[in-house]
Amino acid sequence: MPKTTDFLDEELKRQLEEKALLEQEIRDLEQEPDRIRGEQEERSRMLPPWEELADRKRQNQFETSVSRWELTNKRRELTRSILLMILLVMAVLASSWWVFQFIQRMGV
């Protein structure tokens, strides 16, 4: 009889431990909705309101389009500057050639 009593005691202890674990798990699961609700509230406090998000998105799109136009304008300005530089160099060379030819004709 002592063997069966020990076995029954051990089985009872094991079942009580399992029961305690299951009850703890049940308590944890019962608190889960509160935890999720708390996380959602925290997220809602951290994120800006939807209207502000929409404004930020519009602002970002505007800045992106302005950036593209600015880039296009900068390219145009660079092209014009290069063209003017080439014309200026050609004018200086033509003037230098004209002065050189004038000096040669005068015999100096």
N, C-alpha and C. Protein backbone atom coordinates (compact mmCIF):
# COMPACT_ATOMS: atom_id res chain seq x y z
N MET A 1 0.80 -1.20 0.00
CA MET A 1 0.00 0.00 0.00
C MET A 1 0.84 1.27 0.00
N PRO A 2 1.95 1.32 0.64
CA PRO A 2 2.71 2.56 0.63
C PRO A 2 3.13 2.97 -0.78
N LYS A 3 3.41 1.96 -1.63
CA LYS A 3 3.82 2.31 -2.98
C LYS A 3 2.70 2.99 -3.74
N THR A 4 1.53 2.45 -3.63
CA THR A 4 0.40 3.05 -4.34
C THR A 4 0.06 4.41 -3.75
N THR A 5 0.21 4.58 -2.47
CA THR A 5 -0.06 5.87 -1.83
C THR A 5 0.95 6.89 -2.31
N ASP A 6 2.24 6.51 -2.39
CA ASP A 6 3.27 7.42 -2.90
C ASP A 6 2.98 7.79 -4.35
N PHE A 7 2.61 6.78 -5.12
CA PHE A 7 2.30 7.01 -6.52
C PHE A 7 1.12 7.96 -6.67
N LEU A 8 0.08 7.73 -5.83
CA LEU A 8 -1.09 8.59 -5.88
C LEU A 8 -0.74 10.01 -5.42
N ASP A 9 0.13 10.12 -4.42
CA ASP A 9 0.56 11.45 -3.95
C ASP A 9 1.33 12.19 -5.05
N GLU A 10 2.23 11.46 -5.70
CA GLU A 10 2.99 12.08 -6.79
C GLU A 10 2.07 12.48 -7.95
N GLU A 11 1.15 11.61 -8.27
CA GLU A 11 0.20 11.91 -9.35
C GLU A 11 -0.65 13.11 -8.98
N LEU A 12 -1.07 13.17 -7.73
CA LEU A 12 -1.87 14.29 -7.25
C LEU A 12 -1.06 15.59 -7.31
N LYS A 13 0.20 15.53 -6.89
CA LYS A 13 1.07 16.71 -6.95
C LYS A 13 1.25 17.18 -8.40
N ARG A 14 1.49 16.22 -9.30
CA ARG A 14 1.68 16.55 -10.70
C ARG A 14 0.42 17.20 -11.28
N GLN A 15 -0.73 16.65 -10.95
CA GLN A 15 -1.99 17.21 -11.43
C GLN A 15 -2.25 18.59 -10.84
N LEU A 16 -1.90 18.78 -9.56
CA LEU A 16 -2.06 20.09 -8.94
C LEU A 16 -1.14 21.13 -9.59
N GLU A 17 0.09 20.68 -9.93
CA GLU A 17 1.01 21.59 -10.62
C GLU A 17 0.47 21.96 -12.01
N GLU A 18 -0.03 20.96 -12.73
CA GLU A 18 -0.62 21.22 -14.04
C GLU A 18 -1.81 22.17 -13.93
N LYS A 19 -2.61 21.92 -12.88
CA LYS A 19 -3.77 22.78 -12.65
C LYS A 19 -3.32 24.21 -12.37
N ALA A 20 -2.29 24.36 -11.56
CA ALA A 20 -1.78 25.70 -11.24
C ALA A 20 -1.24 26.38 -12.50
N LEU A 21 -0.53 25.62 -13.34
CA LEU A 21 -0.02 26.19 -14.60
C LEU A 21 -1.16 26.61 -15.53
N LEU A 22 -2.18 25.77 -15.62
CA LEU A 22 -3.32 26.10 -16.46
C LEU A 22 -4.07 27.32 -15.93
N GLU A 23 -4.23 27.41 -14.61
CA GLU A 23 -4.90 28.57 -14.03
C GLU A 23 -4.10 29.85 -14.29
N GLN A 24 -2.75 29.74 -14.19
CA GLN A 24 -1.90 30.90 -14.48
C GLN A 24 -2.05 31.31 -15.95
N GLU A 25 -2.09 30.34 -16.83
CA GLU A 25 -2.26 30.62 -18.25
C GLU A 25 -3.62 31.27 -18.52
N ILE A 26 -4.63 30.78 -17.84
CA ILE A 26 -5.98 31.38 -17.98
C ILE A 26 -5.96 32.83 -17.52
N ARG A 27 -5.30 33.10 -16.39
CA ARG A 27 -5.20 34.49 -15.89
C ARG A 27 -4.45 35.38 -16.89
N ASP A 28 -3.38 34.82 -17.45
CA ASP A 28 -2.62 35.59 -18.45
C ASP A 28 -3.48 35.90 -19.67
N LEU A 29 -4.25 34.91 -20.11
CA LEU A 29 -5.11 35.12 -21.28
C LEU A 29 -6.25 36.09 -20.97
N GLU A 30 -6.73 36.08 -19.74
CA GLU A 30 -7.78 37.03 -19.37
C GLU A 30 -7.25 38.46 -19.37
N GLN A 31 -5.97 38.63 -19.06
CA GLN A 31 -5.37 39.96 -19.06
C GLN A 31 -4.94 40.40 -20.45
N GLU A 32 -4.92 39.50 -21.40
CA GLU A 32 -4.48 39.81 -22.77
C GLU A 32 -5.28 40.94 -23.42
N PRO A 33 -6.61 40.94 -23.36
CA PRO A 33 -7.36 42.05 -23.98
C PRO A 33 -6.99 43.41 -23.37
N ASP A 34 -6.77 43.44 -22.06
CA ASP A 34 -6.37 44.70 -21.42
C ASP A 34 -4.99 45.15 -21.92
N ARG A 35 -4.09 44.20 -22.08
CA ARG A 35 -2.74 44.52 -22.56
C ARG A 35 -2.80 45.04 -24.00
N ILE A 36 -3.59 44.37 -24.84
CA ILE A 36 -3.73 44.80 -26.24
C ILE A 36 -4.36 46.19 -26.29
N ARG A 37 -5.39 46.41 -25.50
CA ARG A 37 -6.04 47.72 -25.45
C ARG A 37 -5.04 48.80 -25.03
N GLY A 38 -4.23 48.49 -24.02
CA GLY A 38 -3.22 49.43 -23.55
C GLY A 38 -2.20 49.75 -24.65
N GLU A 39 -1.79 48.73 -25.40
CA GLU A 39 -0.84 48.95 -26.50
C GLU A 39 -1.47 49.84 -27.58
N GLN A 40 -2.74 49.60 -27.89
CA GLN A 40 -3.42 50.42 -28.90
C GLN A 40 -3.53 51.87 -28.44
N GLU A 41 -3.86 52.06 -27.18
CA GLU A 41 -3.94 53.42 -26.65
C GLU A 41 -2.58 54.12 -26.72
N GLU A 42 -1.53 53.37 -26.39
CA GLU A 42 -0.19 53.95 -26.44
C GLU A 42 0.19 54.33 -27.87
N ARG A 43 -0.13 53.45 -28.82
CA ARG A 43 0.14 53.74 -30.23
C ARG A 43 -0.64 54.96 -30.70
N SER A 44 -1.90 55.04 -30.27
CA SER A 44 -2.72 56.18 -30.70
C SER A 44 -2.20 57.48 -30.11
N ARG A 45 -1.59 57.41 -28.93
CA ARG A 45 -0.99 58.61 -28.34
C ARG A 45 0.30 58.99 -29.06
N MET A 46 1.01 58.02 -29.57
CA MET A 46 2.30 58.29 -30.18
C MET A 46 2.16 58.75 -31.64
N LEU A 47 1.20 58.22 -32.38
CA LEU A 47 1.03 58.61 -33.77
C LEU A 47 0.23 59.90 -33.84
N PRO A 48 0.58 60.75 -34.81
CA PRO A 48 -0.22 61.96 -34.98
C PRO A 48 -1.61 61.61 -35.51
N PRO A 49 -2.55 62.51 -35.38
CA PRO A 49 -3.89 62.24 -35.90
C PRO A 49 -3.86 62.03 -37.42
N TRP A 50 -4.90 61.37 -37.93
CA TRP A 50 -4.96 61.06 -39.36
C TRP A 50 -4.92 62.31 -40.22
N GLU A 51 -5.56 63.39 -39.78
CA GLU A 51 -5.56 64.61 -40.57
C GLU A 51 -4.14 65.14 -40.72
N GLU A 52 -3.38 65.06 -39.63
CA GLU A 52 -2.00 65.53 -39.68
C GLU A 52 -1.15 64.64 -40.59
N LEU A 53 -1.42 63.35 -40.57
CA LEU A 53 -0.70 62.44 -41.46
C LEU A 53 -0.99 62.78 -42.92
N ALA A 54 -2.24 63.08 -43.23
CA ALA A 54 -2.61 63.44 -44.60
C ALA A 54 -1.91 64.75 -44.99
N ASP A 55 -1.86 65.72 -44.07
CA ASP A 55 -1.17 66.98 -44.35
C ASP A 55 0.31 66.74 -44.60
N ARG A 56 0.91 65.89 -43.79
CA ARG A 56 2.33 65.59 -43.97
C ARG A 56 2.58 64.93 -45.32
N LYS A 57 1.68 64.03 -45.72
CA LYS A 57 1.84 63.36 -47.00
C LYS A 57 1.74 64.36 -48.14
N ARG A 58 0.75 65.27 -48.08
CA ARG A 58 0.61 66.30 -49.11
C ARG A 58 1.85 67.19 -49.15
N GLN A 59 2.35 67.56 -47.97
CA GLN A 59 3.54 68.40 -47.89
C GLN A 59 4.74 67.70 -48.53
N ASN A 60 4.88 66.42 -48.25
CA ASN A 60 5.99 65.65 -48.81
C ASN A 60 5.88 65.56 -50.33
N GLN A 61 4.67 65.33 -50.84
CA GLN A 61 4.48 65.28 -52.29
C GLN A 61 4.81 66.63 -52.91
N PHE A 62 4.39 67.70 -52.28
CA PHE A 62 4.68 69.04 -52.79
C PHE A 62 6.19 69.29 -52.82
N GLU A 63 6.86 68.94 -51.73
CA GLU A 63 8.31 69.14 -51.69
C GLU A 63 9.03 68.30 -52.73
N THR A 64 8.52 67.09 -52.97
CA THR A 64 9.12 66.24 -53.98
C THR A 64 8.94 66.85 -55.36
N SER A 65 7.73 67.34 -55.65
CA SER A 65 7.51 67.94 -56.97
C SER A 65 8.30 69.23 -57.11
N VAL A 66 8.41 70.02 -56.05
CA VAL A 66 9.22 71.23 -56.09
C VAL A 66 10.67 70.85 -56.34
N SER A 67 11.12 69.81 -55.71
CA SER A 67 12.49 69.37 -55.89
C SER A 67 12.74 68.99 -57.35
N ARG A 68 11.79 68.30 -57.96
CA ARG A 68 11.95 67.93 -59.36
C ARG A 68 12.02 69.16 -60.24
N TRP A 69 11.13 70.13 -59.99
CA TRP A 69 11.14 71.35 -60.80
C TRP A 69 12.41 72.15 -60.56
N GLU A 70 12.85 72.19 -59.32
CA GLU A 70 14.10 72.88 -59.03
C GLU A 70 15.26 72.23 -59.76
N LEU A 71 15.27 70.92 -59.78
CA LEU A 71 16.32 70.19 -60.49
C LEU A 71 16.28 70.51 -61.98
N THR A 72 15.09 70.52 -62.55
CA THR A 72 14.95 70.85 -63.97
C THR A 72 15.45 72.27 -64.22
N ASN A 73 15.08 73.21 -63.36
CA ASN A 73 15.53 74.59 -63.52
C ASN A 73 17.04 74.70 -63.38
N LYS A 74 17.62 73.99 -62.45
CA LYS A 74 19.08 74.02 -62.29
C LYS A 74 19.77 73.49 -63.54
N ARG A 75 19.24 72.44 -64.12
CA ARG A 75 19.82 71.90 -65.35
C ARG A 75 19.75 72.93 -66.47
N ARG A 76 18.61 73.61 -66.60
CA ARG A 76 18.48 74.65 -67.61
C ARG A 76 19.50 75.76 -67.39
N GLU A 77 19.64 76.19 -66.14
CA GLU A 77 20.59 77.25 -65.83
C GLU A 77 22.01 76.80 -66.16
N LEU A 78 22.36 75.57 -65.86
CA LEU A 78 23.69 75.05 -66.15
C LEU A 78 23.92 75.01 -67.66
N THR A 79 22.93 74.55 -68.41
CA THR A 79 23.05 74.50 -69.87
C THR A 79 23.24 75.91 -70.43
N ARG A 80 22.46 76.87 -69.95
CA ARG A 80 22.60 78.25 -70.40
C ARG A 80 23.98 78.80 -70.06
N SER A 81 24.44 78.51 -68.86
CA SER A 81 25.75 79.00 -68.44
C SER A 81 26.86 78.44 -69.32
N ILE A 82 26.78 77.15 -69.61
CA ILE A 82 27.80 76.53 -70.48
C ILE A 82 27.74 77.14 -71.87
N LEU A 83 26.55 77.34 -72.39
CA LEU A 83 26.39 77.94 -73.72
C LEU A 83 26.96 79.36 -73.73
N LEU A 84 26.64 80.13 -72.71
CA LEU A 84 27.18 81.49 -72.63
C LEU A 84 28.70 81.49 -72.48
N MET A 85 29.24 80.54 -71.74
CA MET A 85 30.69 80.43 -71.59
C MET A 85 31.34 80.12 -72.93
N ILE A 86 30.76 79.21 -73.67
CA ILE A 86 31.30 78.87 -75.01
C ILE A 86 31.24 80.08 -75.92
N LEU A 87 30.11 80.80 -75.92
CA LEU A 87 29.99 81.99 -76.75
C LEU A 87 31.00 83.06 -76.34
N LEU A 88 31.21 83.21 -75.05
CA LEU A 88 32.17 84.18 -74.55
C LEU A 88 33.59 83.82 -74.99
N VAL A 89 33.96 82.56 -74.88
CA VAL A 89 35.29 82.12 -75.31
C VAL A 89 35.45 82.34 -76.81
N MET A 90 34.41 82.03 -77.58
CA MET A 90 34.47 82.25 -79.03
C MET A 90 34.61 83.74 -79.35
N ALA A 91 33.90 84.59 -78.61
CA ALA A 91 34.00 86.03 -78.84
C ALA A 91 35.40 86.54 -78.50
N VAL A 92 35.99 86.05 -77.43
CA VAL A 92 37.35 86.46 -77.06
C VAL A 92 38.34 86.00 -78.12
N LEU A 93 38.19 84.76 -78.60
CA LEU A 93 39.09 84.26 -79.64
C LEU A 93 38.93 85.05 -80.94
N ALA A 94 37.67 85.36 -81.30
CA ALA A 94 37.44 86.14 -82.52
C ALA A 94 38.03 87.54 -82.39
N SER A 95 37.84 88.16 -81.23
CA SER A 95 38.41 89.49 -81.00
C SER A 95 39.93 89.45 -81.04
N SER A 96 40.51 88.43 -80.42
CA SER A 96 41.97 88.28 -80.43
C SER A 96 42.48 88.10 -81.87
N TRP A 97 41.79 87.30 -82.64
CA TRP A 97 42.17 87.07 -84.03
C TRP A 97 42.06 88.37 -84.83
N TRP A 98 41.00 89.11 -84.58
CA TRP A 98 40.81 90.38 -85.29
C TRP A 98 41.92 91.37 -84.95
N VAL A 99 42.26 91.45 -83.64
CA VAL A 99 43.35 92.35 -83.21
C VAL A 99 44.67 91.89 -83.84
N PHE A 100 44.94 90.60 -83.83
CA PHE A 100 46.16 90.08 -84.42
C PHE A 100 46.24 90.41 -85.91
N GLN A 101 45.14 90.22 -86.63
CA GLN A 101 45.11 90.53 -88.06
C GLN A 101 45.30 92.04 -88.28
N PHE A 102 44.69 92.86 -87.44
CA PHE A 102 44.82 94.32 -87.57
C PHE A 102 46.26 94.75 -87.37
N ILE A 103 46.90 94.16 -86.37
CA ILE A 103 48.32 94.50 -86.10
C ILE A 103 49.19 94.07 -87.27
N GLN A 104 48.92 92.93 -87.85
CA GLN A 104 49.73 92.46 -89.00
C GLN A 104 49.53 93.38 -90.19
N ARG A 105 48.34 93.84 -90.46
CA ARG A 105 48.07 94.73 -91.60
C ARG A 105 48.75 96.08 -91.41
N MET A 106 48.79 96.51 -90.17
CA MET A 106 49.40 97.82 -89.90
C MET A 106 50.93 97.73 -89.98
N GLY A 107 51.45 96.52 -89.90
CA GLY A 107 52.88 96.33 -90.02
C GLY A 107 53.63 96.55 -88.72
N VAL A 108 53.00 96.47 -87.70
CA VAL A 108 53.66 96.70 -86.41
C VAL A 108 54.36 95.48 -85.91
